[in-house]
Amino acid sequence: MIHGTHAKVWASMVAVVIAASDGGCQDVRGNFSGVQRAVSAGAQGALVPALQPTAPRAVPVPAPVRTAEAPRRRLAESVPTGYLEGVGADARLVIPEQADHVNVGTARLGDGYGVVWTDPAVSTVYFGRLAADGHPTGTASVVHRVVEDEEQIASPVVTASSDGYGIAWVDPENGRVCFARLDASGALRGRTSIVHDGLEAPRVAQIVWNGHEFGLAVGQWRGVYFARVADTGERVGDGVLIDEGTSVGSLDGIRWDGRGYTVSWSQRHDGFATHLRQRLGSDGRRQGAAAVMGAIDRPRSMRGGSRVM
């Protein structure tokens, strides 16, 4: 207990202590007369001391306990659980929609699955592994964490290769397409790479493995982009715009048939959506013009596979 002068000094000051998190430290302000202090963002691992009165033996204010944020983050860092729907060759893995696991994507490798997702704040790309029955095996790993106020994450996708996984996502703020290579255990191989920088508002990605390299398609606000990505994570040759200047409603998929790639998407115009398909050779060059596959009277929101962006 504080008595006398100490109590008067103490009553005139309120200190707030906020521990630094991966995203950086928040501003710290005390309303002690004439005193204002701030902690700049990005100082990881620091602990900001509370403002102390000049009187001796002052009792420090304990750091507040964040009852909501810490458990929420721990949930986002856990590997989501799925289950099999159907039997035999028709069985498919289903991961229920969860508030703590956003933009979930899966790819089968051997008897298990690789799963990728982001946290609710969409600040981190996570990867985990699931057994054949959809239950997690091991813990989650961080593939990429954004630099706050400098980049964004949207539409992380994963595909299996012969000995691991390829993961891609887009950064709408900087017009970037990013890629990471993981081994079969989920460990990152090398560093994440920027496949392309300067696209017009990329929003969603799709990726496929052809046996020795990856094919990557990106739906932009206007237009569709395609690039080949080497097993090492570097782009092979130049990327190509296979649709340009037209509002894209959805990126429906990319596939490899042993001889070339096929990218499917829809265009939006005048309240209608037209489905198109573009054929590309193994060298990534367009083969003819895009083929119109049909039209519907109500365009879907921008999608990557089954995910609304």
C-alpha atoms as a PDB file:
ATOM      1  CA  MET A   1       0.000   0.000   0.000  1.00  0.00           C
ATOM      2  CA  ILE A   2       1.208   3.539  -0.822  1.00  0.00           C
ATOM      3  CA  HIS A   3       0.645   6.357   1.651  1.00  0.00           C
ATOM      4  CA  GLY A   4       0.877  10.136   1.768  1.00  0.00           C
ATOM      5  CA  THR A   5       2.870  11.913  -0.925  1.00  0.00           C
ATOM      6  CA  HIS A   6       3.584   8.659  -2.703  1.00  0.00           C
ATOM      7  CA  ALA A   7      -0.142   8.021  -3.130  1.00  0.00           C
ATOM      8  CA  LYS A   8      -0.719  11.482  -4.621  1.00  0.00           C
ATOM      9  CA  VAL A   9       2.116  11.044  -7.111  1.00  0.00           C
ATOM     10  CA  TRP A  10       0.953   7.551  -7.976  1.00  0.00           C
ATOM     11  CA  ALA A  11      -2.688   8.652  -8.454  1.00  0.00           C
ATOM     12  CA  SER A  12      -1.606  11.211 -11.066  1.00  0.00           C
ATOM     13  CA  MET A  13      -0.047   8.648 -13.376  1.00  0.00           C
ATOM     14  CA  VAL A  14      -1.398   5.732 -15.472  1.00  0.00           C
ATOM     15  CA  ALA A  15       1.124   3.526 -17.259  1.00  0.00           C
ATOM     16  CA  VAL A  16       0.276   0.977 -19.823  1.00  0.00           C
ATOM     17  CA  VAL A  17       2.719  -1.746 -20.664  1.00  0.00           C
ATOM     18  CA  ILE A  18       2.359  -3.596 -23.897  1.00  0.00           C
ATOM     19  CA  ALA A  19       4.701  -6.487 -24.700  1.00  0.00           C
ATOM     20  CA  ALA A  20       6.061  -6.642 -28.237  1.00  0.00           C
ATOM     21  CA  SER A  21       4.632  -9.231 -30.558  1.00  0.00           C
ATOM     22  CA  ASP A  22       5.782 -10.561 -33.925  1.00  0.00           C
ATOM     23  CA  GLY A  23       3.965  -7.713 -35.592  1.00  0.00           C
ATOM     24  CA  GLY A  24       5.884  -5.112 -33.561  1.00  0.00           C
ATOM     25  CA  CYS A  25       5.146  -2.957 -30.566  1.00  0.00           C
ATOM     26  CA  GLN A  26       2.109  -0.762 -30.266  1.00  0.00           C
ATOM     27  CA  ASP A  27       2.257   2.858 -29.107  1.00  0.00           C
ATOM     28  CA  VAL A  28       2.735   3.278 -25.400  1.00  0.00           C
ATOM     29  CA  ARG A  29       1.430   6.418 -23.788  1.00  0.00           C
ATOM     30  CA  GLY A  30       1.240   7.430 -20.137  1.00  0.00           C
ATOM     31  CA  ASN A  31      -0.969  10.287 -19.031  1.00  0.00           C
ATOM     32  CA  PHE A  32       1.506  11.298 -16.313  1.00  0.00           C
ATOM     33  CA  SER A  33       1.552  15.107 -16.518  1.00  0.00           C
ATOM     34  CA  GLY A  34       3.568  16.313 -19.523  1.00  0.00           C
ATOM     35  CA  VAL A  35       4.889  12.840 -20.425  1.00  0.00           C
ATOM     36  CA  GLN A  36       4.224  10.970 -23.670  1.00  0.00           C
ATOM     37  CA  ARG A  37       6.218   8.008 -24.876  1.00  0.00           C
ATOM     38  CA  ALA A  38       5.891   5.840 -27.986  1.00  0.00           C
ATOM     39  CA  VAL A  39       7.478   2.643 -29.121  1.00  0.00           C
ATOM     40  CA  SER A  40       8.174   2.354 -32.851  1.00  0.00           C
ATOM     41  CA  ALA A  41       6.784  -0.653 -34.766  1.00  0.00           C
ATOM     42  CA  GLY A  42       9.000  -3.635 -35.420  1.00  0.00           C
ATOM     43  CA  ALA A  43      11.028  -3.820 -32.205  1.00  0.00           C
ATOM     44  CA  GLN A  44      10.593  -7.538 -31.655  1.00  0.00           C
ATOM     45  CA  GLY A  45      11.234  -9.145 -28.330  1.00  0.00           C
ATOM     46  CA  ALA A  46      11.349  -5.843 -26.433  1.00  0.00           C
ATOM     47  CA  LEU A  47       9.479  -5.122 -23.223  1.00  0.00           C
ATOM     48  CA  VAL A  48       8.605  -1.491 -22.576  1.00  0.00           C
ATOM     49  CA  PRO A  49       8.914  -0.570 -18.891  1.00  0.00           C
ATOM     50  CA  ALA A  50       6.053   1.257 -17.207  1.00  0.00           C
ATOM     51  CA  LEU A  51       6.498   4.927 -16.359  1.00  0.00           C
ATOM     52  CA  GLN A  52       7.608   5.132 -12.734  1.00  0.00           C
ATOM     53  CA  PRO A  53       6.955   7.972 -10.251  1.00  0.00           C
ATOM     54  CA  THR A  54       9.973   9.771  -8.830  1.00  0.00           C
ATOM     55  CA  ALA A  55       9.104   8.709  -5.300  1.00  0.00           C
ATOM     56  CA  PRO A  56      11.130   5.779  -3.904  1.00  0.00           C
ATOM     57  CA  ARG A  57       9.683   2.284  -3.552  1.00  0.00           C
ATOM     58  CA  ALA A  58       7.006   2.897  -6.134  1.00  0.00           C
ATOM     59  CA  VAL A  59       5.033  -0.229  -6.998  1.00  0.00           C
ATOM     60  CA  PRO A  60       5.205  -0.950 -10.784  1.00  0.00           C
ATOM     61  CA  VAL A  61       2.024  -1.504 -12.748  1.00  0.00           C
ATOM     62  CA  PRO A  62       1.882  -5.104 -14.035  1.00  0.00           C
ATOM     63  CA  ALA A  63       1.565  -5.732 -17.763  1.00  0.00           C
ATOM     64  CA  PRO A  64      -2.038  -6.297 -18.847  1.00  0.00           C
ATOM     65  CA  VAL A  65      -3.047  -9.823 -19.786  1.00  0.00           C
ATOM     66  CA  ARG A  66      -4.411 -10.085 -23.315  1.00  0.00           C
ATOM     67  CA  THR A  67      -7.136 -12.590 -22.692  1.00  0.00           C
ATOM     68  CA  ALA A  68      -8.467 -12.692 -26.256  1.00  0.00           C
ATOM     69  CA  GLU A  69      -5.503 -12.234 -28.624  1.00  0.00           C
ATOM     70  CA  ALA A  70      -3.059 -14.813 -27.263  1.00  0.00           C
ATOM     71  CA  PRO A  71      -5.465 -17.803 -27.364  1.00  0.00           C
ATOM     72  CA  ARG A  72      -6.677 -16.710 -30.824  1.00  0.00           C
ATOM     73  CA  ARG A  73      -3.137 -16.693 -32.156  1.00  0.00           C
ATOM     74  CA  ARG A  74      -2.387 -20.096 -30.669  1.00  0.00           C
ATOM     75  CA  LEU A  75      -5.450 -21.470 -32.450  1.00  0.00           C
ATOM     76  CA  ALA A  76      -4.297 -20.023 -35.779  1.00  0.00           C
ATOM     77  CA  GLU A  77      -0.887 -21.658 -35.294  1.00  0.00           C
ATOM     78  CA  SER A  78      -2.433 -25.094 -34.814  1.00  0.00           C
ATOM     79  CA  VAL A  79      -2.842 -27.434 -37.792  1.00  0.00           C
ATOM     80  CA  PRO A  80      -6.520 -27.626 -38.863  1.00  0.00           C
ATOM     81  CA  THR A  81      -8.238 -31.020 -38.720  1.00  0.00           C
ATOM     82  CA  GLY A  82     -10.107 -32.501 -41.662  1.00  0.00           C
ATOM     83  CA  TYR A  83     -12.141 -35.607 -42.432  1.00  0.00           C
ATOM     84  CA  LEU A  84     -12.804 -37.809 -45.445  1.00  0.00           C
ATOM     85  CA  GLU A  85     -16.107 -37.512 -47.276  1.00  0.00           C
ATOM     86  CA  GLY A  86     -17.117 -40.418 -49.506  1.00  0.00           C
ATOM     87  CA  VAL A  87     -15.495 -43.823 -49.890  1.00  0.00           C
ATOM     88  CA  GLY A  88     -12.860 -45.416 -52.074  1.00  0.00           C
ATOM     89  CA  ALA A  89     -11.649 -43.506 -55.110  1.00  0.00           C
ATOM     90  CA  ASP A  90     -14.411 -40.914 -54.605  1.00  0.00           C
ATOM     91  CA  ALA A  91     -13.280 -39.978 -51.081  1.00  0.00           C
ATOM     92  CA  ARG A  92     -12.095 -36.413 -50.663  1.00  0.00           C
ATOM     93  CA  LEU A  93     -10.611 -34.456 -47.806  1.00  0.00           C
ATOM     94  CA  VAL A  94     -12.865 -31.837 -46.240  1.00  0.00           C
ATOM     95  CA  ILE A  95     -11.644 -29.198 -43.793  1.00  0.00           C
ATOM     96  CA  PRO A  96     -14.568 -27.396 -42.124  1.00  0.00           C
ATOM     97  CA  GLU A  97     -14.575 -23.612 -42.307  1.00  0.00           C
ATOM     98  CA  GLN A  98     -13.070 -22.179 -39.137  1.00  0.00           C
ATOM     99  CA  ALA A  99     -12.650 -18.626 -37.892  1.00  0.00           C
ATOM    100  CA  ASP A 100      -9.021 -19.211 -36.905  1.00  0.00           C
ATOM    101  CA  HIS A 101      -7.878 -20.844 -40.160  1.00  0.00           C
ATOM    102  CA  VAL A 102      -8.447 -18.715 -43.254  1.00  0.00           C
ATOM    103  CA  ASN A 103      -7.820 -19.471 -46.947  1.00  0.00           C
ATOM    104  CA  VAL A 104      -7.202 -23.172 -46.351  1.00  0.00           C
ATOM    105  CA  GLY A 105      -5.809 -25.223 -49.236  1.00  0.00           C
ATOM    106  CA  THR A 106      -4.643 -28.844 -49.434  1.00  0.00           C
ATOM    107  CA  ALA A 107      -2.574 -31.108 -51.683  1.00  0.00           C
ATOM    108  CA  ARG A 108      -2.132 -34.869 -51.480  1.00  0.00           C
ATOM    109  CA  LEU A 109       1.343 -36.416 -51.267  1.00  0.00           C
ATOM    110  CA  GLY A 110       1.646 -40.170 -50.763  1.00  0.00           C
ATOM    111  CA  ASP A 111      -0.631 -41.312 -47.945  1.00  0.00           C
ATOM    112  CA  GLY A 112      -1.086 -37.860 -46.453  1.00  0.00           C
ATOM    113  CA  TYR A 113      -1.808 -34.244 -47.230  1.00  0.00           C
ATOM    114  CA  GLY A 114      -0.090 -30.900 -47.068  1.00  0.00           C
ATOM    115  CA  VAL A 115      -2.273 -28.040 -45.869  1.00  0.00           C
ATOM    116  CA  VAL A 116      -1.699 -24.300 -46.112  1.00  0.00           C
ATOM    117  CA  TRP A 117      -3.647 -21.469 -44.449  1.00  0.00           C
ATOM    118  CA  THR A 118      -3.430 -17.963 -42.994  1.00  0.00           C
ATOM    119  CA  ASP A 119      -4.430 -16.452 -39.661  1.00  0.00           C
ATOM    120  CA  PRO A 120      -7.543 -14.217 -39.380  1.00  0.00           C
ATOM    121  CA  ALA A 121      -5.373 -11.099 -39.764  1.00  0.00           C
ATOM    122  CA  VAL A 122      -3.925 -12.615 -42.978  1.00  0.00           C
ATOM    123  CA  SER A 123      -0.408 -11.769 -41.800  1.00  0.00           C
ATOM    124  CA  THR A 124       1.219 -15.213 -41.951  1.00  0.00           C
ATOM    125  CA  VAL A 125       1.287 -18.209 -44.300  1.00  0.00           C
ATOM    126  CA  TYR A 126       1.322 -21.490 -42.344  1.00  0.00           C
ATOM    127  CA  PHE A 127       1.934 -25.060 -43.486  1.00  0.00           C
ATOM    128  CA  GLY A 128       1.097 -28.358 -41.800  1.00  0.00           C
ATOM    129  CA  ARG A 129       0.667 -32.031 -42.615  1.00  0.00           C
ATOM    130  CA  LEU A 130      -2.344 -34.301 -42.251  1.00  0.00           C
ATOM    131  CA  ALA A 131      -2.561 -38.076 -42.146  1.00  0.00           C
ATOM    132  CA  ALA A 132      -4.749 -39.993 -44.603  1.00  0.00           C
ATOM    133  CA  ASP A 133      -7.731 -39.642 -42.234  1.00  0.00           C
ATOM    134  CA  GLY A 134      -7.348 -35.855 -42.038  1.00  0.00           C
ATOM    135  CA  HIS A 135      -5.807 -35.653 -38.560  1.00  0.00           C
ATOM    136  CA  PRO A 136      -2.700 -33.473 -38.022  1.00  0.00           C
ATOM    137  CA  THR A 137       0.753 -35.038 -37.884  1.00  0.00           C
ATOM    138  CA  GLY A 138       3.327 -32.797 -36.267  1.00  0.00           C
ATOM    139  CA  THR A 139       3.113 -29.053 -35.724  1.00  0.00           C
ATOM    140  CA  ALA A 140       2.592 -26.093 -38.017  1.00  0.00           C
ATOM    141  CA  SER A 141       5.484 -24.188 -39.571  1.00  0.00           C
ATOM    142  CA  VAL A 142       5.672 -20.564 -40.731  1.00  0.00           C
ATOM    143  CA  VAL A 143       6.277 -20.244 -44.466  1.00  0.00           C
ATOM    144  CA  HIS A 144       6.148 -16.452 -44.603  1.00  0.00           C
ATOM    145  CA  ARG A 145       5.222 -13.597 -42.292  1.00  0.00           C
ATOM    146  CA  VAL A 146       4.504 -10.164 -43.729  1.00  0.00           C
ATOM    147  CA  VAL A 147       6.444  -7.029 -42.966  1.00  0.00           C
ATOM    148  CA  GLU A 148       3.741  -4.844 -41.462  1.00  0.00           C
ATOM    149  CA  ASP A 149       2.619  -1.893 -43.607  1.00  0.00           C
ATOM    150  CA  GLU A 150       4.868  -3.033 -46.468  1.00  0.00           C
ATOM    151  CA  GLU A 151       3.211  -6.125 -47.953  1.00  0.00           C
ATOM    152  CA  GLN A 152       0.074  -8.250 -47.989  1.00  0.00           C
ATOM    153  CA  ILE A 153      -0.879 -11.907 -48.335  1.00  0.00           C
ATOM    154  CA  ALA A 154      -3.782 -13.244 -50.369  1.00  0.00           C
ATOM    155  CA  SER A 155      -4.768 -16.620 -51.787  1.00  0.00           C
ATOM    156  CA  PRO A 156      -2.053 -19.024 -50.571  1.00  0.00           C
ATOM    157  CA  VAL A 157      -2.223 -22.270 -52.577  1.00  0.00           C
ATOM    158  CA  VAL A 158      -0.297 -25.536 -52.396  1.00  0.00           C
ATOM    159  CA  THR A 159       0.430 -28.404 -54.772  1.00  0.00           C
ATOM    160  CA  ALA A 160       2.441 -31.579 -54.293  1.00  0.00           C
ATOM    161  CA  SER A 161       5.576 -32.386 -56.284  1.00  0.00           C
ATOM    162  CA  SER A 162       7.468 -35.666 -56.437  1.00  0.00           C
ATOM    163  CA  ASP A 163       9.317 -35.023 -53.181  1.00  0.00           C
ATOM    164  CA  GLY A 164       7.579 -32.126 -51.444  1.00  0.00           C
ATOM    165  CA  TYR A 165       5.336 -29.137 -52.017  1.00  0.00           C
ATOM    166  CA  GLY A 166       5.157 -25.836 -53.854  1.00  0.00           C
ATOM    167  CA  ILE A 167       3.309 -22.923 -52.252  1.00  0.00           C
ATOM    168  CA  ALA A 168       2.342 -19.678 -53.964  1.00  0.00           C
ATOM    169  CA  TRP A 169       0.491 -16.544 -52.876  1.00  0.00           C
ATOM    170  CA  VAL A 170      -0.064 -13.004 -54.131  1.00  0.00           C
ATOM    171  CA  ASP A 171       0.719  -9.615 -52.629  1.00  0.00           C
ATOM    172  CA  PRO A 172      -1.969  -7.248 -54.014  1.00  0.00           C
ATOM    173  CA  GLU A 173      -0.389  -4.125 -52.544  1.00  0.00           C
ATOM    174  CA  ASN A 174       2.892  -4.564 -54.428  1.00  0.00           C
ATOM    175  CA  GLY A 175       1.613  -6.497 -57.437  1.00  0.00           C
ATOM    176  CA  ARG A 176       3.750  -9.499 -56.508  1.00  0.00           C
ATOM    177  CA  VAL A 177       3.486 -13.234 -56.943  1.00  0.00           C
ATOM    178  CA  CYS A 178       5.520 -15.157 -54.365  1.00  0.00           C
ATOM    179  CA  PHE A 179       6.631 -18.783 -54.162  1.00  0.00           C
ATOM    180  CA  ALA A 180       8.119 -21.154 -51.584  1.00  0.00           C
ATOM    181  CA  ARG A 181       9.458 -24.701 -51.922  1.00  0.00           C
ATOM    182  CA  LEU A 182       9.041 -27.228 -49.082  1.00  0.00           C
ATOM    183  CA  ASP A 183      10.315 -30.772 -48.690  1.00  0.00           C
ATOM    184  CA  ALA A 184       8.048 -33.706 -47.798  1.00  0.00           C
ATOM    185  CA  SER A 185       8.398 -32.977 -44.072  1.00  0.00           C
ATOM    186  CA  GLY A 186       7.297 -29.358 -44.555  1.00  0.00           C
ATOM    187  CA  ALA A 187      10.751 -27.794 -44.107  1.00  0.00           C
ATOM    188  CA  LEU A 188      11.457 -24.734 -46.240  1.00  0.00           C
ATOM    189  CA  ARG A 189      13.974 -25.250 -49.029  1.00  0.00           C
ATOM    190  CA  GLY A 190      16.022 -22.136 -49.562  1.00  0.00           C
ATOM    191  CA  ARG A 191      14.225 -18.810 -49.361  1.00  0.00           C
ATOM    192  CA  THR A 192      10.883 -17.594 -50.635  1.00  0.00           C
ATOM    193  CA  SER A 193      11.120 -15.994 -54.072  1.00  0.00           C
ATOM    194  CA  ILE A 194       9.254 -13.302 -56.005  1.00  0.00           C
ATOM    195  CA  VAL A 195       8.088 -14.820 -59.277  1.00  0.00           C
ATOM    196  CA  HIS A 196       6.849 -11.509 -60.661  1.00  0.00           C
ATOM    197  CA  ASP A 197       6.726  -7.937 -59.383  1.00  0.00           C
ATOM    198  CA  GLY A 198       4.443  -5.235 -60.758  1.00  0.00           C
ATOM    199  CA  LEU A 199       1.262  -7.017 -61.818  1.00  0.00           C
ATOM    200  CA  GLU A 200      -2.014  -5.108 -61.810  1.00  0.00           C
ATOM    201  CA  ALA A 201      -3.765  -5.956 -58.527  1.00  0.00           C
ATOM    202  CA  PRO A 202      -3.193  -9.744 -58.405  1.00  0.00           C
ATOM    203  CA  ARG A 203      -5.950 -11.360 -56.346  1.00  0.00           C
ATOM    204  CA  VAL A 204      -5.798 -15.138 -56.591  1.00  0.00           C
ATOM    205  CA  ALA A 205      -3.394 -17.889 -57.695  1.00  0.00           C
ATOM    206  CA  GLN A 206      -3.473 -21.508 -58.881  1.00  0.00           C
ATOM    207  CA  ILE A 207      -0.490 -23.852 -59.185  1.00  0.00           C
ATOM    208  CA  VAL A 208       0.263 -27.259 -60.733  1.00  0.00           C
ATOM    209  CA  TRP A 209       3.293 -29.610 -60.880  1.00  0.00           C
ATOM    210  CA  ASN A 210       4.215 -31.160 -64.256  1.00  0.00           C
ATOM    211  CA  GLY A 211       6.889 -33.604 -63.126  1.00  0.00           C
ATOM    212  CA  HIS A 212       9.907 -31.305 -63.188  1.00  0.00           C
ATOM    213  CA  GLU A 213       8.597 -27.742 -62.761  1.00  0.00           C
ATOM    214  CA  PHE A 214       5.505 -25.786 -61.665  1.00  0.00           C
ATOM    215  CA  GLY A 215       2.919 -23.942 -63.723  1.00  0.00           C
ATOM    216  CA  LEU A 216       1.490 -20.847 -61.994  1.00  0.00           C
ATOM    217  CA  ALA A 217      -1.624 -18.896 -63.011  1.00  0.00           C
ATOM    218  CA  VAL A 218      -2.694 -15.612 -61.391  1.00  0.00           C
ATOM    219  CA  GLY A 219      -6.056 -13.881 -61.635  1.00  0.00           C
ATOM    220  CA  GLN A 220      -5.715 -10.105 -61.547  1.00  0.00           C
ATOM    221  CA  TRP A 221      -8.339  -7.440 -61.207  1.00  0.00           C
ATOM    222  CA  ARG A 222      -8.078  -7.198 -64.973  1.00  0.00           C
ATOM    223  CA  GLY A 223      -6.335 -10.010 -66.787  1.00  0.00           C
ATOM    224  CA  VAL A 224      -4.740 -13.423 -66.198  1.00  0.00           C
ATOM    225  CA  TYR A 225      -0.999 -14.077 -65.856  1.00  0.00           C
ATOM    226  CA  PHE A 226       0.949 -17.320 -66.361  1.00  0.00           C
ATOM    227  CA  ALA A 227       4.522 -18.296 -65.504  1.00  0.00           C
ATOM    228  CA  ARG A 228       6.658 -21.416 -65.236  1.00  0.00           C
ATOM    229  CA  VAL A 229       8.541 -21.883 -61.975  1.00  0.00           C
ATOM    230  CA  ALA A 230      11.594 -24.103 -61.627  1.00  0.00           C
ATOM    231  CA  ASP A 231      11.945 -26.720 -58.920  1.00  0.00           C
ATOM    232  CA  THR A 232      14.344 -24.301 -57.215  1.00  0.00           C
ATOM    233  CA  GLY A 233      11.627 -21.633 -57.019  1.00  0.00           C
ATOM    234  CA  GLU A 234      12.932 -19.315 -59.742  1.00  0.00           C
ATOM    235  CA  ARG A 235      10.840 -18.232 -62.718  1.00  0.00           C
ATOM    236  CA  VAL A 236      11.661 -19.955 -66.007  1.00  0.00           C
ATOM    237  CA  GLY A 237      11.766 -17.479 -68.887  1.00  0.00           C
ATOM    238  CA  ASP A 238       9.284 -14.619 -69.073  1.00  0.00           C
ATOM    239  CA  GLY A 239       5.760 -14.633 -67.744  1.00  0.00           C
ATOM    240  CA  VAL A 240       2.882 -14.090 -70.149  1.00  0.00           C
ATOM    241  CA  LEU A 241      -0.443 -12.245 -69.952  1.00  0.00           C
ATOM    242  CA  ILE A 242      -3.005 -14.608 -71.428  1.00  0.00           C
ATOM    243  CA  ASP A 243      -5.872 -12.192 -70.828  1.00  0.00           C
ATOM    244  CA  GLU A 244      -5.421  -8.454 -70.494  1.00  0.00           C
ATOM    245  CA  GLY A 245      -7.677  -5.505 -69.763  1.00  0.00           C
ATOM    246  CA  THR A 246     -10.842  -7.506 -69.019  1.00  0.00           C
ATOM    247  CA  SER A 247     -12.377  -7.765 -65.551  1.00  0.00           C
ATOM    248  CA  VAL A 248     -11.757 -11.277 -64.198  1.00  0.00           C
ATOM    249  CA  GLY A 249     -14.574 -12.890 -62.247  1.00  0.00           C
ATOM    250  CA  SER A 250     -12.881 -16.154 -61.263  1.00  0.00           C
ATOM    251  CA  LEU A 251      -9.745 -18.202 -61.776  1.00  0.00           C
ATOM    252  CA  ASP A 252     -11.186 -21.676 -62.181  1.00  0.00           C
ATOM    253  CA  GLY A 253      -8.042 -23.773 -62.428  1.00  0.00           C
ATOM    254  CA  ILE A 254      -4.803 -24.791 -64.078  1.00  0.00           C
ATOM    255  CA  ARG A 255      -3.908 -28.310 -65.211  1.00  0.00           C
ATOM    256  CA  TRP A 256      -1.112 -30.200 -66.953  1.00  0.00           C
ATOM    257  CA  ASP A 257      -1.907 -33.062 -69.329  1.00  0.00           C
ATOM    258  CA  GLY A 258       1.594 -34.283 -70.159  1.00  0.00           C
ATOM    259  CA  ARG A 259       2.031 -32.012 -73.187  1.00  0.00           C
ATOM    260  CA  GLY A 260       1.000 -28.563 -72.022  1.00  0.00           C
ATOM    261  CA  TYR A 261      -1.021 -26.408 -69.639  1.00  0.00           C
ATOM    262  CA  THR A 262      -4.636 -25.311 -69.675  1.00  0.00           C
ATOM    263  CA  VAL A 263      -5.753 -22.260 -67.685  1.00  0.00           C
ATOM    264  CA  SER A 264      -9.476 -21.643 -67.116  1.00  0.00           C
ATOM    265  CA  TRP A 265     -11.121 -18.433 -65.910  1.00  0.00           C
ATOM    266  CA  SER A 266     -14.198 -16.244 -66.351  1.00  0.00           C
ATOM    267  CA  GLN A 267     -14.595 -12.667 -67.534  1.00  0.00           C
ATOM    268  CA  ARG A 268     -17.150 -10.210 -66.179  1.00  0.00           C
ATOM    269  CA  HIS A 269     -18.904  -7.644 -68.339  1.00  0.00           C
ATOM    270  CA  ASP A 270     -22.362  -6.064 -68.463  1.00  0.00           C
ATOM    271  CA  GLY A 271     -23.744  -8.315 -65.735  1.00  0.00           C
ATOM    272  CA  PHE A 272     -22.634 -11.511 -67.489  1.00  0.00           C
ATOM    273  CA  ALA A 273     -19.706 -13.892 -67.014  1.00  0.00           C
ATOM    274  CA  THR A 274     -18.028 -15.728 -69.883  1.00  0.00           C
ATOM    275  CA  HIS A 275     -15.940 -18.842 -69.201  1.00  0.00           C
ATOM    276  CA  LEU A 276     -12.717 -19.145 -71.172  1.00  0.00           C
ATOM    277  CA  ARG A 277      -9.863 -21.601 -71.533  1.00  0.00           C
ATOM    278  CA  GLN A 278      -6.339 -20.943 -72.785  1.00  0.00           C
ATOM    279  CA  ARG A 279      -3.969 -23.634 -73.964  1.00  0.00           C
ATOM    280  CA  LEU A 280      -0.194 -23.174 -73.436  1.00  0.00           C
ATOM    281  CA  GLY A 281       2.653 -25.405 -74.530  1.00  0.00           C
ATOM    282  CA  SER A 282       5.266 -26.918 -72.234  1.00  0.00           C
ATOM    283  CA  ASP A 283       7.401 -23.851 -73.007  1.00  0.00           C
ATOM    284  CA  GLY A 284       4.690 -21.560 -71.611  1.00  0.00           C
ATOM    285  CA  ARG A 285       3.745 -20.041 -74.971  1.00  0.00           C
ATOM    286  CA  ARG A 286       0.117 -19.588 -75.931  1.00  0.00           C
ATOM    287  CA  GLN A 287      -1.277 -22.022 -78.462  1.00  0.00           C
ATOM    288  CA  GLY A 288      -3.961 -20.164 -80.376  1.00  0.00           C
ATOM    289  CA  ALA A 289      -6.568 -17.848 -78.926  1.00  0.00           C
ATOM    290  CA  ALA A 290      -8.549 -18.427 -75.759  1.00  0.00           C
ATOM    291  CA  ALA A 291     -11.571 -20.661 -76.305  1.00  0.00           C
ATOM    292  CA  VAL A 292     -14.991 -19.581 -75.041  1.00  0.00           C
ATOM    293  CA  MET A 293     -16.513 -22.402 -72.998  1.00  0.00           C
ATOM    294  CA  GLY A 294     -19.872 -20.845 -72.182  1.00  0.00           C
ATOM    295  CA  ALA A 295     -21.611 -17.964 -70.439  1.00  0.00           C
ATOM    296  CA  ILE A 296     -23.737 -17.445 -67.343  1.00  0.00           C
ATOM    297  CA  ASP A 297     -25.997 -14.546 -66.438  1.00  0.00           C
ATOM    298  CA  ARG A 298     -24.500 -13.865 -62.997  1.00  0.00           C
ATOM    299  CA  PRO A 299     -20.726 -13.546 -62.520  1.00  0.00           C
ATOM    300  CA  ARG A 300     -19.228 -15.121 -59.432  1.00  0.00           C
ATOM    301  CA  SER A 301     -16.979 -13.239 -57.052  1.00  0.00           C
ATOM    302  CA  MET A 302     -13.273 -13.611 -57.742  1.00  0.00           C
ATOM    303  CA  ARG A 303     -12.408 -17.174 -56.831  1.00  0.00           C
ATOM    304  CA  GLY A 304      -9.392 -19.408 -56.748  1.00  0.00           C
ATOM    305  CA  GLY A 305     -10.725 -22.935 -56.960  1.00  0.00           C
ATOM    306  CA  SER A 306     -13.602 -22.818 -54.463  1.00  0.00           C
ATOM    307  CA  ARG A 307     -12.447 -19.849 -52.423  1.00  0.00           C
ATOM    308  CA  VAL A 308     -14.067 -16.445 -52.630  1.00  0.00           C
ATOM    309  CA  MET A 309     -11.564 -13.617 -52.534  1.00  0.00           C
END
